[in-house]
Amino acid sequence: MKITDDYKAKYRLWAENPRVLPASVVVRIPRFKSQRFSSHTEMNVWKRSVLRELARSAPGK
């Protein structure tokens, strides 16, 4: 059955078909202090290193 012009249909469908999903593992973001960069290139190099560190510590390798 196609439901049109019923703005609450989505909520009704969700209530009729509940799905329990497992909670995902929380990835901790490393603490870093406020920094100033002399150029965008320098900032991008720093950002890449932080992203690599996050990827290495990710639980779902």
N, C-alpha and C. Protein backbone atom coordinates (compact mmCIF):
# COMPACT_ATOMS: atom_id res chain seq x y z
N MET A 1 0.84 -1.18 0.00
CA MET A 1 0.00 0.00 0.00
C MET A 1 0.88 1.24 0.00
N LYS A 2 0.64 2.13 -0.93
CA LYS A 2 1.41 3.36 -1.02
C LYS A 2 0.71 4.45 -0.22
N ILE A 3 1.46 5.08 0.63
CA ILE A 3 0.87 6.12 1.47
C ILE A 3 1.35 7.48 0.96
N THR A 4 0.41 8.33 0.57
CA THR A 4 0.76 9.67 0.11
C THR A 4 -0.02 10.69 0.91
N ASP A 5 0.53 11.85 1.02
CA ASP A 5 -0.09 12.98 1.74
C ASP A 5 -0.38 12.66 3.20
N ASP A 6 0.32 11.72 3.77
CA ASP A 6 0.18 11.41 5.18
C ASP A 6 1.54 11.69 5.82
N TYR A 7 1.64 12.80 6.50
CA TYR A 7 2.92 13.23 7.03
C TYR A 7 3.38 12.40 8.24
N LYS A 8 2.48 11.68 8.87
CA LYS A 8 2.84 10.87 10.03
C LYS A 8 3.00 9.39 9.67
N ALA A 9 2.93 9.06 8.39
CA ALA A 9 3.04 7.66 7.96
C ALA A 9 4.40 7.07 8.32
N LYS A 10 5.46 7.85 8.21
CA LYS A 10 6.80 7.37 8.52
C LYS A 10 6.87 6.90 9.97
N TYR A 11 6.32 7.70 10.88
CA TYR A 11 6.36 7.34 12.29
C TYR A 11 5.49 6.11 12.57
N ARG A 12 4.38 6.00 11.89
CA ARG A 12 3.52 4.85 12.06
C ARG A 12 4.21 3.57 11.59
N LEU A 13 4.90 3.66 10.45
CA LEU A 13 5.64 2.50 9.94
C LEU A 13 6.77 2.10 10.90
N TRP A 14 7.47 3.10 11.45
CA TRP A 14 8.54 2.81 12.40
C TRP A 14 7.98 2.13 13.65
N ALA A 15 6.82 2.58 14.11
CA ALA A 15 6.22 2.00 15.32
C ALA A 15 5.73 0.57 15.06
N GLU A 16 5.25 0.30 13.86
CA GLU A 16 4.76 -1.04 13.53
C GLU A 16 5.90 -2.03 13.32
N ASN A 17 7.04 -1.57 12.85
CA ASN A 17 8.17 -2.45 12.55
C ASN A 17 9.42 -2.00 13.32
N PRO A 18 9.43 -2.17 14.63
CA PRO A 18 10.60 -1.71 15.39
C PRO A 18 11.83 -2.56 15.10
N ARG A 19 12.99 -1.89 14.99
CA ARG A 19 14.25 -2.58 14.75
C ARG A 19 15.25 -2.15 15.82
N VAL A 20 15.82 -3.10 16.50
CA VAL A 20 16.84 -2.78 17.49
C VAL A 20 18.20 -3.06 16.86
N LEU A 21 19.00 -2.03 16.77
CA LEU A 21 20.33 -2.15 16.19
C LEU A 21 21.37 -2.07 17.29
N PRO A 22 22.45 -2.82 17.18
CA PRO A 22 23.49 -2.74 18.21
C PRO A 22 24.18 -1.39 18.16
N ALA A 23 24.56 -0.92 19.31
CA ALA A 23 25.26 0.38 19.39
C ALA A 23 26.64 0.23 18.76
N SER A 24 27.04 1.24 18.03
CA SER A 24 28.35 1.20 17.41
C SER A 24 29.42 1.54 18.44
N VAL A 25 30.64 1.14 18.16
CA VAL A 25 31.76 1.40 19.05
C VAL A 25 32.17 2.86 18.89
N VAL A 26 32.31 3.53 20.01
CA VAL A 26 32.66 4.96 19.98
C VAL A 26 34.17 5.10 19.77
N VAL A 27 34.54 5.91 18.80
CA VAL A 27 35.94 6.18 18.54
C VAL A 27 36.29 7.48 19.26
N ARG A 28 37.26 7.40 20.13
CA ARG A 28 37.69 8.59 20.87
C ARG A 28 38.55 9.48 19.99
N ILE A 29 38.20 10.73 19.94
CA ILE A 29 38.99 11.70 19.18
C ILE A 29 40.09 12.21 20.11
N PRO A 30 41.34 12.18 19.66
CA PRO A 30 42.43 12.62 20.53
C PRO A 30 42.28 14.11 20.86
N ARG A 31 42.69 14.45 22.06
CA ARG A 31 42.63 15.87 22.47
C ARG A 31 43.77 16.63 21.79
N PHE A 32 43.45 17.79 21.29
CA PHE A 32 44.48 18.64 20.75
C PHE A 32 44.12 20.08 21.08
N LYS A 33 45.15 20.88 21.29
CA LYS A 33 44.95 22.27 21.69
C LYS A 33 44.79 23.15 20.45
N SER A 34 44.36 24.35 20.71
CA SER A 34 44.22 25.33 19.65
C SER A 34 45.58 25.57 19.01
N GLN A 35 45.61 25.57 17.70
CA GLN A 35 46.87 25.75 17.00
C GLN A 35 46.71 26.81 15.92
N ARG A 36 47.81 27.43 15.60
CA ARG A 36 47.82 28.39 14.50
C ARG A 36 48.76 27.86 13.42
N PHE A 37 48.34 28.00 12.21
CA PHE A 37 49.13 27.51 11.09
C PHE A 37 49.50 28.69 10.20
N SER A 38 50.68 28.61 9.63
CA SER A 38 51.14 29.70 8.76
C SER A 38 50.59 29.59 7.35
N SER A 39 50.06 28.40 7.01
CA SER A 39 49.50 28.22 5.67
C SER A 39 48.49 27.08 5.68
N HIS A 40 47.69 27.03 4.64
CA HIS A 40 46.74 25.93 4.49
C HIS A 40 47.47 24.60 4.32
N THR A 41 48.60 24.65 3.66
CA THR A 41 49.38 23.43 3.44
C THR A 41 49.82 22.84 4.77
N GLU A 42 50.31 23.68 5.67
CA GLU A 42 50.74 23.22 6.98
C GLU A 42 49.56 22.64 7.77
N MET A 43 48.41 23.29 7.69
CA MET A 43 47.22 22.80 8.37
C MET A 43 46.79 21.44 7.79
N ASN A 44 46.84 21.30 6.48
CA ASN A 44 46.44 20.04 5.84
C ASN A 44 47.37 18.90 6.21
N VAL A 45 48.66 19.18 6.36
CA VAL A 45 49.62 18.15 6.77
C VAL A 45 49.28 17.70 8.18
N TRP A 46 49.00 18.64 9.08
CA TRP A 46 48.61 18.30 10.45
C TRP A 46 47.31 17.50 10.46
N LYS A 47 46.35 17.94 9.67
CA LYS A 47 45.06 17.27 9.62
C LYS A 47 45.21 15.83 9.11
N ARG A 48 46.03 15.63 8.10
CA ARG A 48 46.27 14.29 7.57
C ARG A 48 46.87 13.38 8.63
N SER A 49 47.80 13.92 9.42
CA SER A 49 48.42 13.08 10.46
C SER A 49 47.41 12.71 11.53
N VAL A 50 46.50 13.62 11.89
CA VAL A 50 45.46 13.31 12.87
C VAL A 50 44.51 12.26 12.31
N LEU A 51 44.13 12.38 11.05
CA LEU A 51 43.24 11.40 10.44
C LEU A 51 43.89 10.02 10.34
N ARG A 52 45.19 9.98 10.06
CA ARG A 52 45.90 8.69 10.02
C ARG A 52 45.91 8.04 11.40
N GLU A 53 46.14 8.86 12.43
CA GLU A 53 46.14 8.34 13.79
C GLU A 53 44.77 7.78 14.16
N LEU A 54 43.71 8.47 13.76
CA LEU A 54 42.35 7.99 14.01
C LEU A 54 42.09 6.67 13.26
N ALA A 55 42.55 6.58 12.03
CA ALA A 55 42.35 5.37 11.25
C ALA A 55 43.09 4.19 11.86
N ARG A 56 44.29 4.43 12.40
CA ARG A 56 45.04 3.36 13.04
C ARG A 56 44.37 2.86 14.30
N SER A 57 43.75 3.76 15.03
CA SER A 57 43.14 3.38 16.30
C SER A 57 41.67 2.94 16.14
N ALA A 58 41.17 2.92 14.92
CA ALA A 58 39.78 2.52 14.69
C ALA A 58 39.59 1.05 15.04
N PRO A 59 38.48 0.72 15.72
CA PRO A 59 38.29 -0.67 16.16
C PRO A 59 37.92 -1.62 15.02
N GLY A 60 37.32 -1.15 13.97
CA GLY A 60 36.85 -2.04 12.90
C GLY A 60 37.76 -2.10 11.71
N LYS A 61 39.04 -2.15 11.92
CA LYS A 61 40.02 -2.15 10.82
C LYS A 61 39.59 -3.02 9.69
